[in-house]
PDB file of all heavy atoms in Angstrom:
ATOM      1  N   LEU A   1       4.368  10.115  12.101  1.00  0.00           N
ATOM      2  CA  LEU A   1       5.293   9.740  11.038  1.00  0.00           C
ATOM      3  C   LEU A   1       4.531   9.734   9.715  1.00  0.00           C
ATOM      4  O   LEU A   1       3.303   9.555   9.695  1.00  0.00           O
ATOM      5  CB  LEU A   1       5.886   8.348  11.270  1.00  0.00           C
ATOM      6  CG  LEU A   1       6.956   8.181  12.338  1.00  0.00           C
ATOM      7  CD1 LEU A   1       7.276   6.701  12.541  1.00  0.00           C
ATOM      8  CD2 LEU A   1       8.209   8.950  11.968  1.00  0.00           C
ATOM      9  N   ARG A   2       5.272   9.880   8.640  1.00  0.00           N
ATOM     10  CA  ARG A   2       4.671   9.848   7.308  1.00  0.00           C
ATOM     11  C   ARG A   2       5.451   8.867   6.446  1.00  0.00           C
ATOM     12  O   ARG A   2       6.683   8.961   6.348  1.00  0.00           O
ATOM     13  CB  ARG A   2       4.695  11.234   6.675  1.00  0.00           C
ATOM     14  CG  ARG A   2       4.045  11.325   5.304  1.00  0.00           C
ATOM     15  CD  ARG A   2       4.114  12.763   4.802  1.00  0.00           C
ATOM     16  NE  ARG A   2       3.566  12.955   3.482  1.00  0.00           N
ATOM     17  CZ  ARG A   2       2.293  13.214   3.235  1.00  0.00           C
ATOM     18  NH1 ARG A   2       1.427  13.279   4.230  1.00  0.00           N
ATOM     19  NH2 ARG A   2       1.867  13.382   1.993  1.00  0.00           N
ATOM     20  N   LEU A   3       4.730   7.943   5.843  1.00  0.00           N
ATOM     21  CA  LEU A   3       5.324   6.988   4.920  1.00  0.00           C
ATOM     22  C   LEU A   3       4.924   7.362   3.502  1.00  0.00           C
ATOM     23  O   LEU A   3       3.799   7.818   3.270  1.00  0.00           O
ATOM     24  CB  LEU A   3       4.839   5.573   5.232  1.00  0.00           C
ATOM     25  CG  LEU A   3       5.014   5.065   6.669  1.00  0.00           C
ATOM     26  CD1 LEU A   3       4.487   3.633   6.782  1.00  0.00           C
ATOM     27  CD2 LEU A   3       6.457   5.143   7.096  1.00  0.00           C
ATOM     28  N   SER A   4       5.841   7.139   2.580  1.00  0.00           N
ATOM     29  CA  SER A   4       5.558   7.400   1.177  1.00  0.00           C
ATOM     30  C   SER A   4       5.967   6.198   0.344  1.00  0.00           C
ATOM     31  O   SER A   4       6.909   5.467   0.700  1.00  0.00           O
ATOM     32  CB  SER A   4       6.303   8.639   0.691  1.00  0.00           C
ATOM     33  OG  SER A   4       5.831   9.801   1.327  1.00  0.00           O
ATOM     34  N   CYS A   5       5.284   6.021  -0.755  1.00  0.00           N
ATOM     35  CA  CYS A   5       5.585   4.914  -1.661  1.00  0.00           C
ATOM     36  C   CYS A   5       5.436   5.404  -3.089  1.00  0.00           C
ATOM     37  O   CYS A   5       4.468   6.098  -3.413  1.00  0.00           O
ATOM     38  CB  CYS A   5       4.633   3.753  -1.384  1.00  0.00           C
ATOM     39  SG  CYS A   5       5.037   2.241  -2.264  1.00  0.00           S
ATOM     40  N   THR A   6       6.380   5.031  -3.921  1.00  0.00           N
ATOM     41  CA  THR A   6       6.332   5.395  -5.335  1.00  0.00           C
ATOM     42  C   THR A   6       6.534   4.149  -6.173  1.00  0.00           C
ATOM     43  O   THR A   6       7.460   3.363  -5.919  1.00  0.00           O
ATOM     44  CB  THR A   6       7.414   6.423  -5.678  1.00  0.00           C
ATOM     45  OG1 THR A   6       7.249   7.578  -4.859  1.00  0.00           O
ATOM     46  CG2 THR A   6       7.309   6.829  -7.143  1.00  0.00           C
ATOM     47  N   ALA A   7       5.666   3.993  -7.140  1.00  0.00           N
ATOM     48  CA  ALA A   7       5.774   2.866  -8.062  1.00  0.00           C
ATOM     49  C   ALA A   7       6.335   3.355  -9.379  1.00  0.00           C
ATOM     50  O   ALA A   7       5.812   4.302  -9.968  1.00  0.00           O
ATOM     51  CB  ALA A   7       4.415   2.225  -8.267  1.00  0.00           C
ATOM     52  N   GLY A   8       7.405   2.719  -9.817  1.00  0.00           N
ATOM     53  CA  GLY A   8       8.027   3.096 -11.075  1.00  0.00           C
ATOM     54  C   GLY A   8       8.042   1.933 -12.038  1.00  0.00           C
ATOM     55  O   GLY A   8       8.098   0.778 -11.633  1.00  0.00           O
ATOM     56  N   GLY A   9       8.004   2.267 -13.314  1.00  0.00           N
ATOM     57  CA  GLY A   9       8.009   1.225 -14.326  1.00  0.00           C
ATOM     58  C   GLY A   9       7.071   1.590 -15.455  1.00  0.00           C
ATOM     59  O   GLY A   9       6.418   2.629 -15.427  1.00  0.00           O
ATOM     60  N   THR A  10       6.997   0.718 -16.387  1.00  0.00           N
ATOM     61  CA  THR A  10       6.181   0.972 -17.562  1.00  0.00           C
ATOM     62  C   THR A  10       4.804   0.365 -17.370  1.00  0.00           C
ATOM     63  O   THR A  10       4.585  -0.811 -17.641  1.00  0.00           O
ATOM     64  CB  THR A  10       6.850   0.394 -18.823  1.00  0.00           C
ATOM     65  OG1 THR A  10       8.166   0.896 -18.918  1.00  0.00           O
ATOM     66  CG2 THR A  10       6.042   0.763 -20.048  1.00  0.00           C
ATOM     67  N   PHE A  11       3.911   1.148 -16.832  1.00  0.00           N
ATOM     68  CA  PHE A  11       2.527   0.713 -16.691  1.00  0.00           C
ATOM     69  C   PHE A  11       1.662   1.947 -16.566  1.00  0.00           C
ATOM     70  O   PHE A  11       2.157   3.059 -16.403  1.00  0.00           O
ATOM     71  CB  PHE A  11       2.344  -0.212 -15.480  1.00  0.00           C
ATOM     72  CG  PHE A  11       2.912   0.317 -14.201  1.00  0.00           C
ATOM     73  CD1 PHE A  11       2.203   1.180 -13.388  1.00  0.00           C
ATOM     74  CD2 PHE A  11       4.189  -0.065 -13.790  1.00  0.00           C
ATOM     75  CE1 PHE A  11       2.742   1.673 -12.219  1.00  0.00           C
ATOM     76  CE2 PHE A  11       4.737   0.426 -12.624  1.00  0.00           C
ATOM     77  CZ  PHE A  11       4.005   1.298 -11.838  1.00  0.00           C
ATOM     78  N   GLY A  12       0.366   1.758 -16.621  1.00  0.00           N
ATOM     79  CA  GLY A  12      -0.560   2.874 -16.559  1.00  0.00           C
ATOM     80  C   GLY A  12      -0.880   3.265 -15.138  1.00  0.00           C
ATOM     81  O   GLY A  12      -0.168   2.904 -14.199  1.00  0.00           O
ATOM     82  N   SER A  13      -1.962   4.000 -14.990  1.00  0.00           N
ATOM     83  CA  SER A  13      -2.361   4.468 -13.662  1.00  0.00           C
ATOM     84  C   SER A  13      -2.791   3.291 -12.788  1.00  0.00           C
ATOM     85  O   SER A  13      -3.377   2.326 -13.263  1.00  0.00           O
ATOM     86  CB  SER A  13      -3.504   5.464 -13.789  1.00  0.00           C
ATOM     87  OG  SER A  13      -3.102   6.607 -14.502  1.00  0.00           O
ATOM     88  N   ILE A  14      -2.493   3.424 -11.536  1.00  0.00           N
ATOM     89  CA  ILE A  14      -2.832   2.379 -10.569  1.00  0.00           C
ATOM     90  C   ILE A  14      -4.091   2.790  -9.827  1.00  0.00           C
ATOM     91  O   ILE A  14      -4.196   3.921  -9.354  1.00  0.00           O
ATOM     92  CB  ILE A  14      -1.689   2.196  -9.567  1.00  0.00           C
ATOM     93  CG1 ILE A  14      -0.396   1.847 -10.301  1.00  0.00           C
ATOM     94  CG2 ILE A  14      -2.038   1.111  -8.554  1.00  0.00           C
ATOM     95  CD1 ILE A  14       0.825   1.910  -9.426  1.00  0.00           C
ATOM     96  N   ASP A  15      -5.035   1.889  -9.721  1.00  0.00           N
ATOM     97  CA  ASP A  15      -6.293   2.209  -9.062  1.00  0.00           C
ATOM     98  C   ASP A  15      -6.380   1.716  -7.622  1.00  0.00           C
ATOM     99  O   ASP A  15      -7.220   2.178  -6.872  1.00  0.00           O
ATOM    100  CB  ASP A  15      -7.465   1.606  -9.841  1.00  0.00           C
ATOM    101  CG  ASP A  15      -7.701   2.329 -11.145  1.00  0.00           C
ATOM    102  OD1 ASP A  15      -7.390   3.533 -11.212  1.00  0.00           O
ATOM    103  OD2 ASP A  15      -8.175   1.693 -12.099  1.00  0.00           O
ATOM    104  N   ASP A  16      -5.578   0.760  -7.260  1.00  0.00           N
ATOM    105  CA  ASP A  16      -5.724   0.106  -5.965  1.00  0.00           C
ATOM    106  C   ASP A  16      -4.380   0.153  -5.246  1.00  0.00           C
ATOM    107  O   ASP A  16      -3.467  -0.586  -5.594  1.00  0.00           O
ATOM    108  CB  ASP A  16      -6.183  -1.337  -6.169  1.00  0.00           C
ATOM    109  CG  ASP A  16      -6.604  -2.004  -4.870  1.00  0.00           C
ATOM    110  OD1 ASP A  16      -6.145  -1.564  -3.795  1.00  0.00           O
ATOM    111  OD2 ASP A  16      -7.390  -2.964  -4.918  1.00  0.00           O
ATOM    112  N   MET A  17      -4.288   1.012  -4.244  1.00  0.00           N
ATOM    113  CA  MET A  17      -3.054   1.193  -3.491  1.00  0.00           C
ATOM    114  C   MET A  17      -3.336   0.993  -2.019  1.00  0.00           C
ATOM    115  O   MET A  17      -4.458   1.239  -1.550  1.00  0.00           O
ATOM    116  CB  MET A  17      -2.503   2.607  -3.693  1.00  0.00           C
ATOM    117  CG  MET A  17      -2.290   2.998  -5.129  1.00  0.00           C
ATOM    118  SD  MET A  17      -2.104   4.800  -5.267  1.00  0.00           S
ATOM    119  CE  MET A  17      -1.502   4.952  -6.947  1.00  0.00           C
ATOM    120  N   GLY A  18      -2.332   0.583  -1.286  1.00  0.00           N
ATOM    121  CA  GLY A  18      -2.577   0.386   0.127  1.00  0.00           C
ATOM    122  C   GLY A  18      -1.317   0.280   0.947  1.00  0.00           C
ATOM    123  O   GLY A  18      -0.200   0.298   0.419  1.00  0.00           O
ATOM    124  N   TRP A  19      -1.533   0.192   2.241  1.00  0.00           N
ATOM    125  CA  TRP A  19      -0.465  -0.012   3.211  1.00  0.00           C
ATOM    126  C   TRP A  19      -0.842  -1.181   4.113  1.00  0.00           C
ATOM    127  O   TRP A  19      -1.984  -1.265   4.591  1.00  0.00           O
ATOM    128  CB  TRP A  19      -0.247   1.239   4.063  1.00  0.00           C
ATOM    129  CG  TRP A  19       0.363   2.367   3.308  1.00  0.00           C
ATOM    130  CD1 TRP A  19      -0.278   3.381   2.667  1.00  0.00           C
ATOM    131  CD2 TRP A  19       1.759   2.590   3.108  1.00  0.00           C
ATOM    132  NE1 TRP A  19       0.627   4.208   2.080  1.00  0.00           N
ATOM    133  CE2 TRP A  19       1.891   3.755   2.332  1.00  0.00           C
ATOM    134  CE3 TRP A  19       2.919   1.918   3.500  1.00  0.00           C
ATOM    135  CZ2 TRP A  19       3.129   4.261   1.948  1.00  0.00           C
ATOM    136  CZ3 TRP A  19       4.141   2.420   3.126  1.00  0.00           C
ATOM    137  CH2 TRP A  19       4.242   3.583   2.356  1.00  0.00           C
ATOM    138  N   TYR A  20       0.115  -2.045   4.340  1.00  0.00           N
ATOM    139  CA  TYR A  20      -0.043  -3.175   5.236  1.00  0.00           C
ATOM    140  C   TYR A  20       1.037  -3.091   6.306  1.00  0.00           C
ATOM    141  O   TYR A  20       2.020  -2.358   6.150  1.00  0.00           O
ATOM    142  CB  TYR A  20       0.108  -4.502   4.480  1.00  0.00           C
ATOM    143  CG  TYR A  20      -0.996  -4.826   3.524  1.00  0.00           C
ATOM    144  CD1 TYR A  20      -1.165  -4.115   2.335  1.00  0.00           C
ATOM    145  CD2 TYR A  20      -1.899  -5.860   3.794  1.00  0.00           C
ATOM    146  CE1 TYR A  20      -2.189  -4.417   1.457  1.00  0.00           C
ATOM    147  CE2 TYR A  20      -2.920  -6.179   2.918  1.00  0.00           C
ATOM    148  CZ  TYR A  20      -3.050  -5.452   1.749  1.00  0.00           C
ATOM    149  OH  TYR A  20      -4.073  -5.760   0.881  1.00  0.00           O
ATOM    150  N   ARG A  21       0.848  -3.843   7.368  1.00  0.00           N
ATOM    151  CA  ARG A  21       1.887  -3.923   8.379  1.00  0.00           C
ATOM    152  C   ARG A  21       1.953  -5.333   8.957  1.00  0.00           C
ATOM    153  O   ARG A  21       0.963  -6.070   8.931  1.00  0.00           O
ATOM    154  CB  ARG A  21       1.661  -2.907   9.498  1.00  0.00           C
ATOM    155  CG  ARG A  21       0.442  -3.163  10.367  1.00  0.00           C
ATOM    156  CD  ARG A  21       0.247  -2.011  11.359  1.00  0.00           C
ATOM    157  NE  ARG A  21      -0.925  -2.230  12.219  1.00  0.00           N
ATOM    158  CZ  ARG A  21      -1.394  -1.307  13.056  1.00  0.00           C
ATOM    159  NH1 ARG A  21      -0.802  -0.106  13.141  1.00  0.00           N
ATOM    160  NH2 ARG A  21      -2.443  -1.581  13.793  1.00  0.00           N
ATOM    161  N   GLN A  22       3.120  -5.649   9.466  1.00  0.00           N
ATOM    162  CA  GLN A  22       3.326  -6.950  10.085  1.00  0.00           C
ATOM    163  C   GLN A  22       4.166  -6.777  11.331  1.00  0.00           C
ATOM    164  O   GLN A  22       5.317  -6.339  11.249  1.00  0.00           O
ATOM    165  CB  GLN A  22       3.994  -7.927   9.122  1.00  0.00           C
ATOM    166  CG  GLN A  22       4.057  -9.344   9.653  1.00  0.00           C
ATOM    167  CD  GLN A  22       4.401 -10.353   8.574  1.00  0.00           C
ATOM    168  OE1 GLN A  22       4.910 -10.004   7.504  1.00  0.00           O
ATOM    169  NE2 GLN A  22       4.113 -11.613   8.836  1.00  0.00           N
ATOM    170  N   ALA A  23       3.565  -7.103  12.457  1.00  0.00           N
ATOM    171  CA  ALA A  23       4.270  -7.061  13.734  1.00  0.00           C
ATOM    172  C   ALA A  23       4.881  -8.434  14.007  1.00  0.00           C
ATOM    173  O   ALA A  23       4.410  -9.442  13.470  1.00  0.00           O
ATOM    174  CB  ALA A  23       3.308  -6.663  14.847  1.00  0.00           C
ATOM    175  N   PRO A  24       5.894  -8.503  14.846  1.00  0.00           N
ATOM    176  CA  PRO A  24       6.528  -9.796  15.149  1.00  0.00           C
ATOM    177  C   PRO A  24       5.520 -10.819  15.669  1.00  0.00           C
ATOM    178  O   PRO A  24       4.731 -10.513  16.564  1.00  0.00           O
ATOM    179  CB  PRO A  24       7.550  -9.439  16.228  1.00  0.00           C
ATOM    180  CG  PRO A  24       7.872  -8.012  15.981  1.00  0.00           C
ATOM    181  CD  PRO A  24       6.593  -7.385  15.509  1.00  0.00           C
ATOM    182  N   GLY A  25       5.527 -11.987  15.074  1.00  0.00           N
ATOM    183  CA  GLY A  25       4.634 -13.049  15.506  1.00  0.00           C
ATOM    184  C   GLY A  25       3.203 -12.912  15.043  1.00  0.00           C
ATOM    185  O   GLY A  25       2.352 -13.722  15.424  1.00  0.00           O
ATOM    186  N   LYS A  26       2.935 -11.908  14.220  1.00  0.00           N
ATOM    187  CA  LYS A  26       1.568 -11.700  13.749  1.00  0.00           C
ATOM    188  C   LYS A  26       1.503 -11.752  12.233  1.00  0.00           C
ATOM    189  O   LYS A  26       2.516 -11.610  11.551  1.00  0.00           O
ATOM    190  CB  LYS A  26       1.034 -10.355  14.255  1.00  0.00           C
ATOM    191  CG  LYS A  26       0.881 -10.278  15.759  1.00  0.00           C
ATOM    192  CD  LYS A  26       0.204  -8.994  16.174  1.00  0.00           C
ATOM    193  CE  LYS A  26      -0.011  -8.929  17.673  1.00  0.00           C
ATOM    194  NZ  LYS A  26      -0.708  -7.676  18.084  1.00  0.00           N
ATOM    195  N   GLN A  27       0.296 -11.933  11.721  1.00  0.00           N
ATOM    196  CA  GLN A  27       0.109 -11.935  10.277  1.00  0.00           C
ATOM    197  C   GLN A  27       0.111 -10.517   9.732  1.00  0.00           C
ATOM    198  O   GLN A  27      -0.204  -9.560  10.436  1.00  0.00           O
ATOM    199  CB  GLN A  27      -1.222 -12.628   9.937  1.00  0.00           C
ATOM    200  CG  GLN A  27      -1.229 -14.127  10.179  1.00  0.00           C
ATOM    201  CD  GLN A  27      -2.476 -14.789   9.635  1.00  0.00           C
ATOM    202  OE1 GLN A  27      -3.533 -14.166   9.539  1.00  0.00           O
ATOM    203  NE2 GLN A  27      -2.367 -16.049   9.265  1.00  0.00           N
ATOM    204  N   ARG A  28       0.441 -10.412   8.470  1.00  0.00           N
ATOM    205  CA  ARG A  28       0.384  -9.122   7.803  1.00  0.00           C
ATOM    206  C   ARG A  28      -1.082  -8.700   7.717  1.00  0.00           C
ATOM    207  O   ARG A  28      -1.957  -9.505   7.368  1.00  0.00           O
ATOM    208  CB  ARG A  28       1.000  -9.211   6.419  1.00  0.00           C
ATOM    209  CG  ARG A  28       1.210  -7.869   5.733  1.00  0.00           C
ATOM    210  CD  ARG A  28       2.006  -8.021   4.451  1.00  0.00           C
ATOM    211  NE  ARG A  28       3.351  -8.531   4.689  1.00  0.00           N
ATOM    212  CZ  ARG A  28       4.287  -8.603   3.749  1.00  0.00           C
ATOM    213  NH1 ARG A  28       4.014  -8.203   2.524  1.00  0.00           N
ATOM    214  NH2 ARG A  28       5.475  -9.080   4.037  1.00  0.00           N
ATOM    215  N   GLU A  29      -1.338  -7.429   8.003  1.00  0.00           N
ATOM    216  CA  GLU A  29      -2.711  -6.937   7.990  1.00  0.00           C
ATOM    217  C   GLU A  29      -2.811  -5.649   7.180  1.00  0.00           C
ATOM    218  O   GLU A  29      -1.857  -4.864   7.122  1.00  0.00           O
ATOM    219  CB  GLU A  29      -3.216  -6.686   9.415  1.00  0.00           C
ATOM    220  CG  GLU A  29      -2.453  -5.621  10.172  1.00  0.00           C
ATOM    221  CD  GLU A  29      -3.059  -5.277  11.517  1.00  0.00           C
ATOM    222  OE1 GLU A  29      -4.157  -5.771  11.844  1.00  0.00           O
ATOM    223  OE2 GLU A  29      -2.432  -4.477  12.259  1.00  0.00           O
ATOM    224  N   LEU A  30      -3.988  -5.444   6.600  1.00  0.00           N
ATOM    225  CA  LEU A  30      -4.242  -4.216   5.877  1.00  0.00           C
ATOM    226  C   LEU A  30      -4.430  -3.080   6.864  1.00  0.00           C
ATOM    227  O   LEU A  30      -5.223  -3.186   7.803  1.00  0.00           O
ATOM    228  CB  LEU A  30      -5.490  -4.359   5.015  1.00  0.00           C
ATOM    229  CG  LEU A  30      -5.947  -3.101   4.282  1.00  0.00           C
ATOM    230  CD1 LEU A  30      -4.922  -2.699   3.218  1.00  0.00           C
ATOM    231  CD2 LEU A  30      -7.313  -3.308   3.648  1.00  0.00           C
ATOM    232  N   VAL A  31      -3.719  -1.997   6.653  1.00  0.00           N
ATOM    233  CA  VAL A  31      -3.849  -0.798   7.482  1.00  0.00           C
ATOM    234  C   VAL A  31      -4.785   0.199   6.814  1.00  0.00           C
ATOM    235  O   VAL A  31      -5.704   0.727   7.452  1.00  0.00           O
ATOM    236  CB  VAL A  31      -2.476  -0.153   7.725  1.00  0.00           C
ATOM    237  CG1 VAL A  31      -2.618   1.143   8.515  1.00  0.00           C
ATOM    238  CG2 VAL A  31      -1.544  -1.127   8.439  1.00  0.00           C
ATOM    239  N   ALA A  32      -4.550   0.477   5.543  1.00  0.00           N
ATOM    240  CA  ALA A  32      -5.351   1.459   4.826  1.00  0.00           C
ATOM    241  C   ALA A  32      -5.266   1.179   3.335  1.00  0.00           C
ATOM    242  O   ALA A  32      -4.238   0.726   2.841  1.00  0.00           O
ATOM    243  CB  ALA A  32      -4.885   2.881   5.124  1.00  0.00           C
ATOM    244  N   GLY A  33      -6.370   1.476   2.640  1.00  0.00           N
ATOM    245  CA  GLY A  33      -6.391   1.311   1.196  1.00  0.00           C
ATOM    246  C   GLY A  33      -7.091   2.490   0.543  1.00  0.00           C
ATOM    247  O   GLY A  33      -7.927   3.158   1.164  1.00  0.00           O
ATOM    248  N   ILE A  34      -6.720   2.737  -0.716  1.00  0.00           N
ATOM    249  CA  ILE A  34      -7.366   3.797  -1.473  1.00  0.00           C
ATOM    250  C   ILE A  34      -7.555   3.321  -2.897  1.00  0.00           C
ATOM    251  O   ILE A  34      -6.643   2.721  -3.489  1.00  0.00           O
ATOM    252  CB  ILE A  34      -6.567   5.119  -1.408  1.00  0.00           C
ATOM    253  CG1 ILE A  34      -7.336   6.258  -2.079  1.00  0.00           C
ATOM    254  CG2 ILE A  34      -5.177   4.955  -1.993  1.00  0.00           C
ATOM    255  CD1 ILE A  34      -6.771   7.633  -1.740  1.00  0.00           C
ATOM    256  N   ARG A  35      -8.738   3.546  -3.430  1.00  0.00           N
ATOM    257  CA  ARG A  35      -9.091   3.007  -4.732  1.00  0.00           C
ATOM    258  C   ARG A  35      -9.607   4.095  -5.648  1.00  0.00           C
ATOM    259  O   ARG A  35      -9.634   5.272  -5.279  1.00  0.00           O
ATOM    260  CB  ARG A  35     -10.106   1.883  -4.561  1.00  0.00           C
ATOM    261  CG  ARG A  35      -9.495   0.664  -3.905  1.00  0.00           C
ATOM    262  CD  ARG A  35     -10.520  -0.367  -3.471  1.00  0.00           C
ATOM    263  NE  ARG A  35      -9.875  -1.525  -2.874  1.00  0.00           N
ATOM    264  CZ  ARG A  35      -9.392  -1.552  -1.641  1.00  0.00           C
ATOM    265  NH1 ARG A  35      -9.484  -0.504  -0.867  1.00  0.00           N
ATOM    266  NH2 ARG A  35      -8.820  -2.648  -1.175  1.00  0.00           N
ATOM    267  N   SER A  36     -10.022   3.694  -6.832  1.00  0.00           N
ATOM    268  CA  SER A  36     -10.507   4.646  -7.822  1.00  0.00           C
ATOM    269  C   SER A  36     -11.623   5.483  -7.226  1.00  0.00           C
ATOM    270  O   SER A  36     -12.440   5.007  -6.446  1.00  0.00           O
ATOM    271  CB  SER A  36     -11.003   3.905  -9.058  1.00  0.00           C
ATOM    272  OG  SER A  36     -12.037   3.009  -8.724  1.00  0.00           O
ATOM    273  N   GLY A  37     -11.602   6.753  -7.575  1.00  0.00           N
ATOM    274  CA  GLY A  37     -12.571   7.684  -7.021  1.00  0.00           C
ATOM    275  C   GLY A  37     -12.195   8.200  -5.652  1.00  0.00           C
ATOM    276  O   GLY A  37     -12.927   8.994  -5.060  1.00  0.00           O
TER     277      GLY A  37
END
């Protein structure tokens, strides 16, 4: 599967983006992140 996310609004470039997930009964966890460079 492929997930996509788009941020809209009046702001500049974003350097820190990521994906989290939360399964039933569990805490939200970081799946993947991508940063500047």
